[in-house]
C-alpha atoms as a PDB file:
ATOM      1  CA  MET A   1      -8.778  -3.286  13.829  1.00  0.00           C
ATOM      2  CA  GLY A   2      -5.762  -1.502  15.104  1.00  0.00           C
ATOM      3  CA  LEU A   3      -3.056  -0.083  12.755  1.00  0.00           C
ATOM      4  CA  VAL A   4      -0.407  -2.244  14.000  1.00  0.00           C
ATOM      5  CA  ALA A   5      -2.582  -5.504  13.338  1.00  0.00           C
ATOM      6  CA  PHE A   6      -3.264  -4.012   9.820  1.00  0.00           C
ATOM      7  CA  VAL A   7       0.122  -3.626   9.001  1.00  0.00           C
ATOM      8  CA  ILE A   8       1.221  -7.147  10.292  1.00  0.00           C
ATOM      9  CA  ILE A   9      -1.648  -8.735   8.411  1.00  0.00           C
ATOM     10  CA  GLY A  10      -0.810  -6.696   5.273  1.00  0.00           C
ATOM     11  CA  ILE A  11       2.891  -7.854   5.341  1.00  0.00           C
ATOM     12  CA  ILE A  12       1.811 -11.521   5.931  1.00  0.00           C
ATOM     13  CA  VAL A  13      -0.570 -11.426   3.182  1.00  0.00           C
ATOM     14  CA  GLY A  14       1.784  -9.611   0.833  1.00  0.00           C
ATOM     15  CA  GLY A  15       4.654 -12.208   1.468  1.00  0.00           C
ATOM     16  CA  LEU A  16       1.976 -15.115   1.048  1.00  0.00           C
ATOM     17  CA  ALA A  17       0.780 -13.716  -2.289  1.00  0.00           C
ATOM     18  CA  GLY A  18       4.565 -13.180  -3.337  1.00  0.00           C
ATOM     19  CA  ASN A  19       5.187 -16.746  -2.507  1.00  0.00           C
ATOM     20  CA  ILE A  20       2.210 -17.844  -4.471  1.00  0.00           C
ATOM     21  CA  VAL A  21       2.917 -15.977  -7.583  1.00  0.00           C
ATOM     22  CA  ASN A  22       6.637 -15.696  -7.735  1.00  0.00           C
ATOM     23  CA  GLY A  23       8.029 -18.284  -5.218  1.00  0.00           C
ATOM     24  CA  HIS A  24       9.400 -15.601  -2.822  1.00  0.00           C
ATOM     25  CA  GLY A  25       8.376 -12.458  -1.059  1.00  0.00           C
ATOM     26  CA  PHE A  26       9.376  -8.922  -1.858  1.00  0.00           C
ATOM     27  CA  GLY A  27      10.381  -7.605   1.559  1.00  0.00           C
ATOM     28  CA  GLY A  28       8.584  -5.719   4.384  1.00  0.00           C
ATOM     29  CA  VAL A  29       7.479  -2.497   2.657  1.00  0.00           C
ATOM     30  CA  SER A  30       6.737  -4.086  -0.661  1.00  0.00           C
ATOM     31  CA  ASP A  31       4.783  -6.874   0.952  1.00  0.00           C
ATOM     32  CA  LEU A  32       2.715  -4.298   2.986  1.00  0.00           C
ATOM     33  CA  PHE A  33       2.088  -2.399  -0.159  1.00  0.00           C
ATOM     34  CA  VAL A  34       0.964  -5.640  -1.894  1.00  0.00           C
ATOM     35  CA  GLY A  35      -1.046  -6.825   0.924  1.00  0.00           C
ATOM     36  CA  VAL A  36      -2.876  -3.400   1.367  1.00  0.00           C
ATOM     37  CA  LEU A  37      -3.608  -3.130  -2.355  1.00  0.00           C
ATOM     38  CA  GLY A  38      -4.769  -6.782  -2.503  1.00  0.00           C
ATOM     39  CA  SER A  39      -7.097  -6.404   0.280  1.00  0.00           C
ATOM     40  CA  LEU A  40      -8.635  -3.339  -1.527  1.00  0.00           C
ATOM     41  CA  LEU A  41      -8.873  -5.191  -4.823  1.00  0.00           C
ATOM     42  CA  GLY A  42     -10.072  -8.387  -3.243  1.00  0.00           C
ATOM     43  CA  GLY A  43     -12.783  -6.574  -1.213  1.00  0.00           C
ATOM     44  CA  PHE A  44     -13.965  -4.708  -4.404  1.00  0.00           C
ATOM     45  CA  ILE A  45     -14.211  -7.958  -6.472  1.00  0.00           C
ATOM     46  CA  PHE A  46     -15.731  -9.869  -3.738  1.00  0.00           C
ATOM     47  CA  ASP A  47     -18.274  -7.027  -3.472  1.00  0.00           C
ATOM     48  CA  ILE A  48     -19.047  -6.946  -7.035  1.00  0.00           C
ATOM     49  CA  LEU A  49     -19.743 -10.734  -7.055  1.00  0.00           C
ATOM     50  CA  GLY A  50     -21.791 -10.564  -4.020  1.00  0.00           C
ATOM     51  CA  ILE A  51     -19.694 -12.706  -1.945  1.00  0.00           C
ATOM     52  CA  PRO A  52     -19.934 -11.789   1.738  1.00  0.00           C
ATOM     53  CA  THR A  53     -16.857 -11.588   3.955  1.00  0.00           C
ATOM     54  CA  TYR A  54     -17.363 -12.058   7.724  1.00  0.00           C
ATOM     55  CA  GLY A  55     -14.660 -12.597  10.068  1.00  0.00           C
ATOM     56  CA  PHE A  56     -10.861 -12.831  10.075  1.00  0.00           C
ATOM     57  CA  LEU A  57     -10.445 -15.759   7.873  1.00  0.00           C
ATOM     58  CA  SER A  58     -12.742 -14.649   5.148  1.00  0.00           C
ATOM     59  CA  SER A  59     -11.046 -11.228   5.199  1.00  0.00           C
ATOM     60  CA  ALA A  60      -7.579 -12.612   5.011  1.00  0.00           C
ATOM     61  CA  LEU A  61      -8.796 -15.077   2.223  1.00  0.00           C
ATOM     62  CA  THR A  62     -10.158 -11.876   0.399  1.00  0.00           C
ATOM     63  CA  SER A  63      -6.984 -10.073   0.723  1.00  0.00           C
ATOM     64  CA  VAL A  64      -4.778 -13.078  -0.439  1.00  0.00           C
ATOM     65  CA  VAL A  65      -6.950 -13.403  -3.482  1.00  0.00           C
ATOM     66  CA  GLY A  66      -6.831  -9.694  -4.280  1.00  0.00           C
ATOM     67  CA  ALA A  67      -2.924  -9.558  -3.825  1.00  0.00           C
ATOM     68  CA  VAL A  68      -2.510 -12.652  -5.985  1.00  0.00           C
ATOM     69  CA  LEU A  69      -4.718 -11.149  -8.694  1.00  0.00           C
ATOM     70  CA  PHE A  70      -2.670  -7.763  -8.292  1.00  0.00           C
ATOM     71  CA  LEU A  71       0.659  -9.473  -8.609  1.00  0.00           C
ATOM     72  CA  SER A  72      -0.691 -11.553 -11.703  1.00  0.00           C
ATOM     73  CA  MET A  73      -1.754  -8.340 -13.454  1.00  0.00           C
ATOM     74  CA  ILE A  74       1.491  -6.586 -12.832  1.00  0.00           C
ATOM     75  CA  GLY A  75       3.327  -9.622 -13.939  1.00  0.00           C
ATOM     76  CA  TYR A  76       1.167  -9.939 -17.169  1.00  0.00           C
ATOM     77  CA  PHE A  77       1.461  -6.285 -18.150  1.00  0.00           C
ATOM     78  CA  ARG A  78       5.299  -6.301 -17.485  1.00  0.00           C
ATOM     79  CA  ASP A  79       5.729  -9.321 -19.672  1.00  0.00           C
ATOM     80  CA  MET A  80       3.500  -7.795 -22.239  1.00  0.00           C
ATOM     81  CA  GLY A  81       5.888  -4.653 -22.443  1.00  0.00           C
ATOM     82  CA  ARG A  82       8.629  -6.959 -23.065  1.00  0.00           C
ATOM     83  CA  GLY A  83       6.922  -8.642 -26.091  1.00  0.00           C
ATOM     84  CA  LYS A  84       5.955 -11.746 -24.193  1.00  0.00           C
ATOM     85  CA  ASP A  85       2.223 -11.411 -25.004  1.00  0.00           C
ATOM     86  CA  GLN A  86       1.873 -15.089 -25.811  1.00  0.00           C
ATOM     87  CA  LEU A  87      -1.710 -15.153 -24.366  1.00  0.00           C
ATOM     88  CA  ILE A  88      -3.070 -12.315 -26.781  1.00  0.00           C
ATOM     89  CA  ARG A  89      -2.013 -13.951 -30.050  1.00  0.00           C
END
């Protein structure tokens, strides 16, 4: 995959994950960051679980799942720092 395609897919995946978690994206560079980290996290998790990813659609789904998990973890730890750790009590 070319670098341009990787960047475009990262922005799309990051924006989609932002819409799923927060109801809005974060902007181009932040969406790219979220999309790239999400694809790494999703690939790592799917590899641990033994779920194969072949082709564009399964790779995109893996990236979206990883990005949603990444944003959810950030939101959880941010809220926990503000004293909103309702799930732990």
